[in-house]
Amino acid sequence: MNLKAGIKASENAAFDTAKVYFKTGRDALGPRGWEGDYRTMLDLCSHGANACFVTGDFDSMNALIDEVLSKDIDTKEKYRVSDIKVNSLHNIGRYNESINAALDFRRQLGLPTLQKKQVSKFTIIREYIRVKRLLKNKTAEDIANLPDLDNERYEMGQRMNEHLAH
């Protein structure tokens, strides 16, 4: 009930109210909430972290994010809080930490991830030529008409890449 009320409050941009509902829901499930109904706990913490982010309550947001990230659950289920973490770090000007968090999440998904280090001009030119060869006779329309990505892991990884482009 608190989860639904909190989501409804968030949808209406009443994030302070939403935080109260999400906290009340977590309190009602108690310390064994993760064992009893982990899906609801995950949603309460994830939506709660987002409400805290929007209202600028970064201490509570970080506590909720850390709680979810510490759980032994599938990495894909940690996406929402990882996304909030990357966004929040970027928004407060901690760009290197934001980049590291995004790259770390991609690694946890098991996706190829670049190392955060200087690359030579030779490497850039070599990769440019490699991509140019792969795309040799493709038009912009051909590329635009490629099938949609249907692998959830790759979609999450791509969204993390989008954070890196900021």
N, C-alpha and C. Protein backbone atom coordinates (compact mmCIF):
# COMPACT_ATOMS: atom_id res chain seq x y z
N MET A 1 0.82 -1.18 0.00
CA MET A 1 0.00 0.00 0.00
C MET A 1 0.87 1.26 0.00
N ASN A 2 1.92 1.29 0.86
CA ASN A 2 2.81 2.44 0.91
C ASN A 2 3.59 2.59 -0.39
N LEU A 3 3.96 1.47 -1.01
CA LEU A 3 4.68 1.52 -2.28
C LEU A 3 3.82 2.18 -3.34
N LYS A 4 2.58 1.75 -3.46
CA LYS A 4 1.67 2.32 -4.46
C LYS A 4 1.43 3.80 -4.20
N ALA A 5 1.24 4.16 -2.94
CA ALA A 5 1.01 5.56 -2.58
C ALA A 5 2.24 6.41 -2.88
N GLY A 6 3.41 5.86 -2.60
CA GLY A 6 4.65 6.59 -2.88
C GLY A 6 4.87 6.79 -4.37
N ILE A 7 4.57 5.76 -5.16
CA ILE A 7 4.71 5.88 -6.62
C ILE A 7 3.73 6.92 -7.15
N LYS A 8 2.51 6.88 -6.65
CA LYS A 8 1.50 7.86 -7.06
C LYS A 8 1.94 9.28 -6.70
N ALA A 9 2.48 9.45 -5.51
CA ALA A 9 2.97 10.77 -5.10
C ALA A 9 4.12 11.22 -6.00
N SER A 10 5.02 10.29 -6.34
CA SER A 10 6.14 10.63 -7.23
C SER A 10 5.63 11.03 -8.61
N GLU A 11 4.64 10.32 -9.11
CA GLU A 11 4.07 10.64 -10.42
C GLU A 11 3.45 12.05 -10.44
N ASN A 12 3.03 12.50 -9.27
CA ASN A 12 2.45 13.84 -9.14
C ASN A 12 3.46 14.87 -8.64
N ALA A 13 4.73 14.50 -8.70
CA ALA A 13 5.85 15.38 -8.31
C ALA A 13 5.80 15.79 -6.84
N ALA A 14 5.16 14.99 -6.00
CA ALA A 14 5.11 15.24 -4.55
C ALA A 14 6.19 14.35 -3.90
N PHE A 15 7.44 14.66 -4.19
CA PHE A 15 8.53 13.78 -3.79
C PHE A 15 8.77 13.74 -2.29
N ASP A 16 8.51 14.84 -1.59
CA ASP A 16 8.66 14.82 -0.13
C ASP A 16 7.65 13.86 0.49
N THR A 17 6.43 13.89 -0.02
CA THR A 17 5.40 12.97 0.45
C THR A 17 5.76 11.54 0.08
N ALA A 18 6.26 11.36 -1.14
CA ALA A 18 6.65 10.02 -1.61
C ALA A 18 7.72 9.43 -0.70
N LYS A 19 8.69 10.25 -0.29
CA LYS A 19 9.74 9.75 0.61
C LYS A 19 9.15 9.18 1.89
N VAL A 20 8.16 9.86 2.43
CA VAL A 20 7.52 9.40 3.67
C VAL A 20 6.85 8.04 3.44
N TYR A 21 6.12 7.91 2.34
CA TYR A 21 5.47 6.63 2.04
C TYR A 21 6.49 5.50 1.87
N PHE A 22 7.56 5.77 1.13
CA PHE A 22 8.56 4.73 0.91
C PHE A 22 9.25 4.33 2.22
N LYS A 23 9.53 5.32 3.07
CA LYS A 23 10.16 5.00 4.36
C LYS A 23 9.20 4.23 5.26
N THR A 24 7.94 4.64 5.27
CA THR A 24 6.94 3.94 6.07
C THR A 24 6.81 2.49 5.60
N GLY A 25 6.84 2.28 4.31
CA GLY A 25 6.77 0.92 3.76
C GLY A 25 7.96 0.08 4.17
N ARG A 26 9.16 0.67 4.13
CA ARG A 26 10.37 -0.07 4.57
C ARG A 26 10.29 -0.38 6.05
N ASP A 27 9.84 0.60 6.84
CA ASP A 27 9.71 0.38 8.29
C ASP A 27 8.69 -0.72 8.60
N ALA A 28 7.59 -0.74 7.83
CA ALA A 28 6.55 -1.75 8.06
C ALA A 28 7.08 -3.16 7.77
N LEU A 29 7.93 -3.29 6.76
CA LEU A 29 8.50 -4.61 6.45
C LEU A 29 9.57 -5.01 7.46
N GLY A 30 10.16 -4.02 8.09
CA GLY A 30 11.12 -4.28 9.17
C GLY A 30 12.46 -4.79 8.69
N PRO A 31 13.31 -5.17 9.64
CA PRO A 31 14.67 -5.58 9.32
C PRO A 31 14.75 -6.86 8.47
N ARG A 32 13.70 -7.63 8.47
CA ARG A 32 13.68 -8.86 7.68
C ARG A 32 12.93 -8.68 6.35
N GLY A 33 12.71 -7.45 5.97
CA GLY A 33 11.97 -7.16 4.75
C GLY A 33 12.60 -7.76 3.50
N TRP A 34 13.92 -7.75 3.45
CA TRP A 34 14.60 -8.30 2.28
C TRP A 34 14.39 -9.80 2.17
N GLU A 35 14.31 -10.46 3.29
CA GLU A 35 14.11 -11.92 3.26
C GLU A 35 12.64 -12.26 3.00
N GLY A 36 11.73 -11.47 3.54
CA GLY A 36 10.31 -11.77 3.42
C GLY A 36 9.71 -11.36 2.09
N ASP A 37 10.07 -10.18 1.59
CA ASP A 37 9.49 -9.67 0.35
C ASP A 37 10.51 -8.76 -0.33
N TYR A 38 11.55 -9.40 -0.86
CA TYR A 38 12.67 -8.61 -1.37
C TYR A 38 12.26 -7.73 -2.55
N ARG A 39 11.32 -8.17 -3.36
CA ARG A 39 10.88 -7.38 -4.53
C ARG A 39 10.28 -6.05 -4.07
N THR A 40 9.42 -6.11 -3.04
CA THR A 40 8.82 -4.88 -2.52
C THR A 40 9.88 -4.00 -1.88
N MET A 41 10.81 -4.63 -1.13
CA MET A 41 11.89 -3.86 -0.50
C MET A 41 12.75 -3.18 -1.57
N LEU A 42 13.04 -3.91 -2.63
CA LEU A 42 13.84 -3.35 -3.72
C LEU A 42 13.12 -2.14 -4.33
N ASP A 43 11.84 -2.27 -4.57
CA ASP A 43 11.07 -1.16 -5.14
C ASP A 43 10.98 0.02 -4.17
N LEU A 44 10.76 -0.26 -2.89
CA LEU A 44 10.71 0.82 -1.90
C LEU A 44 12.03 1.57 -1.83
N CYS A 45 13.14 0.83 -1.82
CA CYS A 45 14.46 1.47 -1.75
C CYS A 45 14.79 2.22 -3.04
N SER A 46 14.49 1.61 -4.18
CA SER A 46 14.81 2.24 -5.47
C SER A 46 14.00 3.51 -5.69
N HIS A 47 12.70 3.41 -5.49
CA HIS A 47 11.86 4.61 -5.65
C HIS A 47 12.18 5.63 -4.56
N GLY A 48 12.48 5.15 -3.36
CA GLY A 48 12.86 6.05 -2.28
C GLY A 48 14.15 6.80 -2.59
N ALA A 49 15.13 6.10 -3.16
CA ALA A 49 16.39 6.75 -3.53
C ALA A 49 16.14 7.83 -4.57
N ASN A 50 15.26 7.55 -5.52
CA ASN A 50 14.95 8.55 -6.54
C ASN A 50 14.27 9.77 -5.92
N ALA A 51 13.32 9.55 -5.02
CA ALA A 51 12.63 10.67 -4.36
C ALA A 51 13.62 11.50 -3.55
N CYS A 52 14.56 10.82 -2.89
CA CYS A 52 15.59 11.53 -2.11
C CYS A 52 16.50 12.34 -3.03
N PHE A 53 16.84 11.77 -4.18
CA PHE A 53 17.68 12.47 -5.16
C PHE A 53 16.99 13.74 -5.63
N VAL A 54 15.73 13.63 -5.99
CA VAL A 54 14.99 14.78 -6.51
C VAL A 54 14.86 15.88 -5.46
N THR A 55 14.71 15.50 -4.19
CA THR A 55 14.54 16.50 -3.13
C THR A 55 15.87 16.97 -2.54
N GLY A 56 16.99 16.40 -3.02
CA GLY A 56 18.29 16.83 -2.53
C GLY A 56 18.70 16.21 -1.21
N ASP A 57 18.03 15.16 -0.79
CA ASP A 57 18.36 14.46 0.46
C ASP A 57 19.39 13.37 0.13
N PHE A 58 20.62 13.81 -0.12
CA PHE A 58 21.66 12.91 -0.63
C PHE A 58 22.13 11.88 0.40
N ASP A 59 22.09 12.22 1.68
CA ASP A 59 22.49 11.24 2.69
C ASP A 59 21.54 10.04 2.69
N SER A 60 20.24 10.33 2.70
CA SER A 60 19.27 9.24 2.67
C SER A 60 19.34 8.48 1.35
N MET A 61 19.53 9.21 0.25
CA MET A 61 19.65 8.58 -1.06
C MET A 61 20.82 7.60 -1.07
N ASN A 62 21.97 8.05 -0.58
CA ASN A 62 23.16 7.18 -0.57
C ASN A 62 22.96 5.96 0.33
N ALA A 63 22.29 6.15 1.44
CA ALA A 63 22.02 5.01 2.33
C ALA A 63 21.15 3.97 1.63
N LEU A 64 20.13 4.43 0.92
CA LEU A 64 19.25 3.50 0.20
C LEU A 64 19.99 2.81 -0.95
N ILE A 65 20.79 3.57 -1.67
CA ILE A 65 21.57 2.99 -2.77
C ILE A 65 22.52 1.94 -2.24
N ASP A 66 23.24 2.28 -1.16
CA ASP A 66 24.18 1.33 -0.58
C ASP A 66 23.47 0.08 -0.07
N GLU A 67 22.28 0.25 0.48
CA GLU A 67 21.52 -0.91 0.96
C GLU A 67 21.21 -1.86 -0.19
N VAL A 68 20.75 -1.33 -1.32
CA VAL A 68 20.43 -2.18 -2.47
C VAL A 68 21.70 -2.81 -3.04
N LEU A 69 22.73 -2.00 -3.21
CA LEU A 69 23.96 -2.52 -3.83
C LEU A 69 24.64 -3.58 -2.97
N SER A 70 24.36 -3.57 -1.67
CA SER A 70 24.99 -4.56 -0.78
C SER A 70 24.29 -5.91 -0.81
N LYS A 71 23.11 -5.95 -1.40
CA LYS A 71 22.33 -7.20 -1.41
C LYS A 71 22.84 -8.15 -2.48
N ASP A 72 22.69 -9.42 -2.20
CA ASP A 72 23.11 -10.47 -3.13
C ASP A 72 21.94 -10.77 -4.08
N ILE A 73 21.70 -9.82 -4.99
CA ILE A 73 20.63 -9.96 -5.97
C ILE A 73 21.23 -9.77 -7.36
N ASP A 74 20.48 -10.11 -8.37
CA ASP A 74 20.94 -10.00 -9.75
C ASP A 74 21.35 -8.55 -10.05
N THR A 75 22.44 -8.41 -10.76
CA THR A 75 22.95 -7.08 -11.11
C THR A 75 21.91 -6.25 -11.84
N LYS A 76 21.11 -6.88 -12.70
CA LYS A 76 20.10 -6.14 -13.45
C LYS A 76 19.10 -5.47 -12.50
N GLU A 77 18.86 -6.08 -11.34
CA GLU A 77 17.92 -5.50 -10.39
C GLU A 77 18.51 -4.29 -9.67
N LYS A 78 19.82 -4.13 -9.78
CA LYS A 78 20.49 -2.99 -9.15
C LYS A 78 20.60 -1.81 -10.10
N TYR A 79 20.08 -1.97 -11.32
CA TYR A 79 20.24 -0.92 -12.33
C TYR A 79 19.67 0.41 -11.88
N ARG A 80 18.43 0.41 -11.39
CA ARG A 80 17.77 1.69 -11.07
C ARG A 80 18.58 2.50 -10.07
N VAL A 81 19.06 1.86 -8.99
CA VAL A 81 19.84 2.63 -8.01
C VAL A 81 21.21 2.99 -8.56
N SER A 82 21.78 2.15 -9.39
CA SER A 82 23.07 2.49 -10.01
C SER A 82 22.92 3.70 -10.91
N ASP A 83 21.82 3.75 -11.64
CA ASP A 83 21.53 4.89 -12.52
C ASP A 83 21.38 6.17 -11.69
N ILE A 84 20.67 6.08 -10.59
CA ILE A 84 20.49 7.25 -9.70
C ILE A 84 21.84 7.68 -9.15
N LYS A 85 22.66 6.71 -8.76
CA LYS A 85 23.98 7.04 -8.22
C LYS A 85 24.83 7.78 -9.25
N VAL A 86 24.87 7.27 -10.47
CA VAL A 86 25.66 7.91 -11.53
C VAL A 86 25.14 9.32 -11.79
N ASN A 87 23.82 9.48 -11.90
CA ASN A 87 23.22 10.80 -12.14
C ASN A 87 23.53 11.78 -11.01
N SER A 88 23.40 11.30 -9.78
CA SER A 88 23.60 12.20 -8.65
C SER A 88 25.05 12.65 -8.57
N LEU A 89 25.98 11.74 -8.78
CA LEU A 89 27.40 12.11 -8.76
C LEU A 89 27.70 13.14 -9.85
N HIS A 90 27.13 12.93 -11.01
CA HIS A 90 27.34 13.87 -12.12
C HIS A 90 26.76 15.25 -11.78
N ASN A 91 25.54 15.25 -11.22
CA ASN A 91 24.87 16.52 -10.93
C ASN A 91 25.55 17.35 -9.85
N ILE A 92 26.30 16.69 -8.96
CA ILE A 92 26.98 17.47 -7.92
C ILE A 92 28.44 17.73 -8.29
N GLY A 93 28.79 17.43 -9.55
CA GLY A 93 30.12 17.78 -10.05
C GLY A 93 31.21 16.78 -9.74
N ARG A 94 30.86 15.59 -9.30
CA ARG A 94 31.86 14.56 -9.02
C ARG A 94 31.95 13.64 -10.25
N TYR A 95 32.47 14.23 -11.34
CA TYR A 95 32.45 13.59 -12.65
C TYR A 95 33.26 12.30 -12.71
N ASN A 96 34.44 12.30 -12.14
CA ASN A 96 35.26 11.09 -12.17
C ASN A 96 34.57 9.93 -11.44
N GLU A 97 33.98 10.23 -10.30
CA GLU A 97 33.26 9.18 -9.56
C GLU A 97 32.04 8.70 -10.34
N SER A 98 31.37 9.61 -11.03
CA SER A 98 30.23 9.25 -11.86
C SER A 98 30.66 8.30 -12.98
N ILE A 99 31.75 8.65 -13.64
CA ILE A 99 32.28 7.81 -14.72
C ILE A 99 32.68 6.44 -14.18
N ASN A 100 33.38 6.43 -13.05
CA ASN A 100 33.81 5.16 -12.45
C ASN A 100 32.62 4.28 -12.08
N ALA A 101 31.56 4.90 -11.53
CA ALA A 101 30.37 4.13 -11.15
C ALA A 101 29.69 3.54 -12.39
N ALA A 102 29.62 4.31 -13.47
CA ALA A 102 29.00 3.82 -14.71
C ALA A 102 29.82 2.67 -15.30
N LEU A 103 31.13 2.84 -15.34
CA LEU A 103 32.00 1.78 -15.88
C LEU A 103 31.94 0.53 -15.01
N ASP A 104 31.91 0.73 -13.70
CA ASP A 104 31.84 -0.41 -12.79
C ASP A 104 30.55 -1.19 -12.99
N PHE A 105 29.43 -0.50 -13.19
CA PHE A 105 28.17 -1.19 -13.41
C PHE A 105 28.20 -1.99 -14.72
N ARG A 106 28.78 -1.39 -15.76
CA ARG A 106 28.91 -2.13 -17.03
C ARG A 106 29.73 -3.40 -16.83
N ARG A 107 30.80 -3.32 -16.04
CA ARG A 107 31.62 -4.51 -15.77
C ARG A 107 30.79 -5.56 -15.02
N GLN A 108 30.00 -5.13 -14.05
CA GLN A 108 29.15 -6.06 -13.30
C GLN A 108 28.14 -6.75 -14.20
N LEU A 109 27.71 -6.06 -15.25
CA LEU A 109 26.79 -6.67 -16.22
C LEU A 109 27.51 -7.67 -17.12
N GLY A 110 28.85 -7.67 -17.05
CA GLY A 110 29.63 -8.57 -17.89
C GLY A 110 29.83 -8.04 -19.29
N LEU A 111 29.71 -6.73 -19.46
CA LEU A 111 29.85 -6.13 -20.79
C LEU A 111 31.27 -5.62 -20.99
N PRO A 112 31.72 -5.60 -22.24
CA PRO A 112 33.05 -5.03 -22.50
C PRO A 112 33.06 -3.56 -22.08
N THR A 113 34.08 -3.20 -21.37
CA THR A 113 34.15 -1.85 -20.83
C THR A 113 35.54 -1.29 -21.04
N LEU A 114 35.60 -0.09 -21.55
CA LEU A 114 36.88 0.56 -21.76
C LEU A 114 37.55 0.86 -20.42
N GLN A 115 38.86 0.86 -20.46
CA GLN A 115 39.61 1.29 -19.29
C GLN A 115 39.65 2.82 -19.29
N LYS A 116 39.58 3.41 -18.14
CA LYS A 116 39.63 4.86 -18.04
C LYS A 116 41.10 5.29 -18.00
N LYS A 117 41.65 5.44 -19.19
CA LYS A 117 43.05 5.84 -19.28
C LYS A 117 43.27 6.56 -20.60
N GLN A 118 44.38 7.23 -20.69
CA GLN A 118 44.74 7.94 -21.92
C GLN A 118 44.96 6.93 -23.04
N VAL A 119 44.53 7.29 -24.24
CA VAL A 119 44.81 6.45 -25.39
C VAL A 119 45.63 7.27 -26.39
N SER A 120 46.42 6.56 -27.15
CA SER A 120 47.28 7.25 -28.11
C SER A 120 46.48 7.65 -29.34
N LYS A 121 47.03 8.58 -30.09
CA LYS A 121 46.40 9.00 -31.35
C LYS A 121 46.33 7.80 -32.30
N PHE A 122 47.36 6.96 -32.26
CA PHE A 122 47.38 5.78 -33.11
C PHE A 122 46.17 4.89 -32.82
N THR A 123 45.87 4.67 -31.55
CA THR A 123 44.72 3.83 -31.17
C THR A 123 43.42 4.44 -31.66
N ILE A 124 43.29 5.73 -31.53
CA ILE A 124 42.08 6.41 -32.00
C ILE A 124 41.93 6.26 -33.50
N ILE A 125 42.99 6.47 -34.24
CA ILE A 125 42.95 6.35 -35.70
C ILE A 125 42.66 4.91 -36.10
N ARG A 126 43.30 3.95 -35.43
CA ARG A 126 43.08 2.53 -35.74
C ARG A 126 41.62 2.15 -35.53
N GLU A 127 41.02 2.58 -34.43
CA GLU A 127 39.63 2.27 -34.15
C GLU A 127 38.69 2.99 -35.11
N TYR A 128 39.04 4.20 -35.49
CA TYR A 128 38.25 4.94 -36.46
C TYR A 128 38.21 4.18 -37.79
N ILE A 129 39.37 3.70 -38.23
CA ILE A 129 39.45 2.94 -39.48
C ILE A 129 38.66 1.64 -39.37
N ARG A 130 38.76 0.98 -38.23
CA ARG A 130 38.04 -0.29 -38.03
C ARG A 130 36.53 -0.06 -38.14
N VAL A 131 36.03 0.97 -37.48
CA VAL A 131 34.59 1.26 -37.53
C VAL A 131 34.19 1.69 -38.94
N LYS A 132 35.02 2.48 -39.58
CA LYS A 132 34.72 2.92 -40.96
C LYS A 132 34.60 1.72 -41.89
N ARG A 133 35.47 0.72 -41.72
CA ARG A 133 35.39 -0.50 -42.54
C ARG A 133 34.11 -1.28 -42.25
N LEU A 134 33.75 -1.37 -40.98
CA LEU A 134 32.53 -2.08 -40.61
C LEU A 134 31.28 -1.42 -41.21
N LEU A 135 31.33 -0.12 -41.35
CA LEU A 135 30.19 0.63 -41.85
C LEU A 135 30.32 1.00 -43.33
N LYS A 136 31.28 0.41 -44.02
CA LYS A 136 31.71 0.87 -45.34
C LYS A 136 30.60 1.31 -46.29
N ASN A 137 29.63 0.52 -46.57
CA ASN A 137 28.60 0.89 -47.54
C ASN A 137 27.25 1.19 -46.90
N LYS A 138 27.25 1.42 -45.63
CA LYS A 138 26.00 1.68 -44.91
C LYS A 138 25.66 3.17 -44.99
N THR A 139 24.41 3.43 -45.25
CA THR A 139 23.95 4.82 -45.23
C THR A 139 23.39 5.13 -43.85
N ALA A 140 23.13 6.39 -43.60
CA ALA A 140 22.53 6.78 -42.31
C ALA A 140 21.16 6.11 -42.16
N GLU A 141 20.46 5.95 -43.26
CA GLU A 141 19.15 5.30 -43.23
C GLU A 141 19.29 3.82 -42.86
N ASP A 142 20.32 3.16 -43.41
CA ASP A 142 20.57 1.75 -43.06
C ASP A 142 20.79 1.60 -41.56
N ILE A 143 21.57 2.50 -41.02
CA ILE A 143 21.89 2.45 -39.59
C ILE A 143 20.64 2.74 -38.76
N ALA A 144 19.85 3.72 -39.20
CA ALA A 144 18.62 4.06 -38.48
C ALA A 144 17.61 2.93 -38.51
N ASN A 145 17.66 2.08 -39.53
CA ASN A 145 16.70 0.99 -39.67
C ASN A 145 17.19 -0.34 -39.07
N LEU A 146 18.28 -0.30 -38.36
CA LEU A 146 18.74 -1.52 -37.69
C LEU A 146 17.70 -1.96 -36.67
N PRO A 147 17.61 -3.25 -36.39
CA PRO A 147 16.61 -3.70 -35.40
C PRO A 147 16.91 -3.14 -34.01
N ASP A 148 15.86 -3.01 -33.23
CA ASP A 148 16.01 -2.52 -31.86
C ASP A 148 16.82 -3.51 -31.04
N LEU A 149 17.53 -2.98 -30.08
CA LEU A 149 18.28 -3.80 -29.15
C LEU A 149 17.28 -4.51 -28.25
N ASP A 150 17.41 -5.83 -28.14
CA ASP A 150 16.42 -6.56 -27.34
C ASP A 150 17.05 -7.33 -26.18
N ASN A 151 18.27 -7.02 -25.85
CA ASN A 151 18.93 -7.65 -24.72
C ASN A 151 18.97 -6.64 -23.58
N GLU A 152 18.29 -6.96 -22.49
CA GLU A 152 18.16 -6.03 -21.37
C GLU A 152 19.51 -5.60 -20.81
N ARG A 153 20.44 -6.54 -20.71
CA ARG A 153 21.77 -6.23 -20.20
C ARG A 153 22.46 -5.17 -21.07
N TYR A 154 22.39 -5.36 -22.39
CA TYR A 154 23.01 -4.40 -23.30
C TYR A 154 22.32 -3.05 -23.27
N GLU A 155 20.99 -3.06 -23.09
CA GLU A 155 20.27 -1.80 -22.98
C GLU A 155 20.72 -1.02 -21.75
N MET A 156 20.87 -1.73 -20.63
CA MET A 156 21.34 -1.08 -19.40
C MET A 156 22.75 -0.54 -19.59
N GLY A 157 23.59 -1.35 -20.20
CA GLY A 157 24.96 -0.91 -20.46
C GLY A 157 25.00 0.30 -21.37
N GLN A 158 24.14 0.31 -22.38
CA GLN A 158 24.09 1.45 -23.29
C GLN A 158 23.63 2.71 -22.57
N ARG A 159 22.66 2.56 -21.66
CA ARG A 159 22.21 3.73 -20.89
C ARG A 159 23.34 4.26 -20.01
N MET A 160 24.16 3.36 -19.48
CA MET A 160 25.32 3.82 -18.70
C MET A 160 26.31 4.56 -19.61
N ASN A 161 26.45 4.08 -20.85
CA ASN A 161 27.31 4.78 -21.82
C ASN A 161 26.81 6.20 -22.05
N GLU A 162 25.50 6.36 -22.10
CA GLU A 162 24.93 7.69 -22.33
C GLU A 162 25.32 8.64 -21.20
N HIS A 163 25.44 8.14 -19.99
CA HIS A 163 25.90 8.99 -18.88
C HIS A 163 27.33 9.45 -19.12
N LEU A 164 28.12 8.58 -19.72
CA LEU A 164 29.53 8.92 -19.95
C LEU A 164 29.68 10.02 -20.98
N ALA A 165 28.66 10.21 -21.82
CA ALA A 165 28.74 11.20 -22.89
C ALA A 165 28.40 12.62 -22.41
N HIS A 166 27.95 12.76 -21.18
CA HIS A 166 27.57 14.09 -20.67
C HIS A 166 28.76 15.00 -20.61
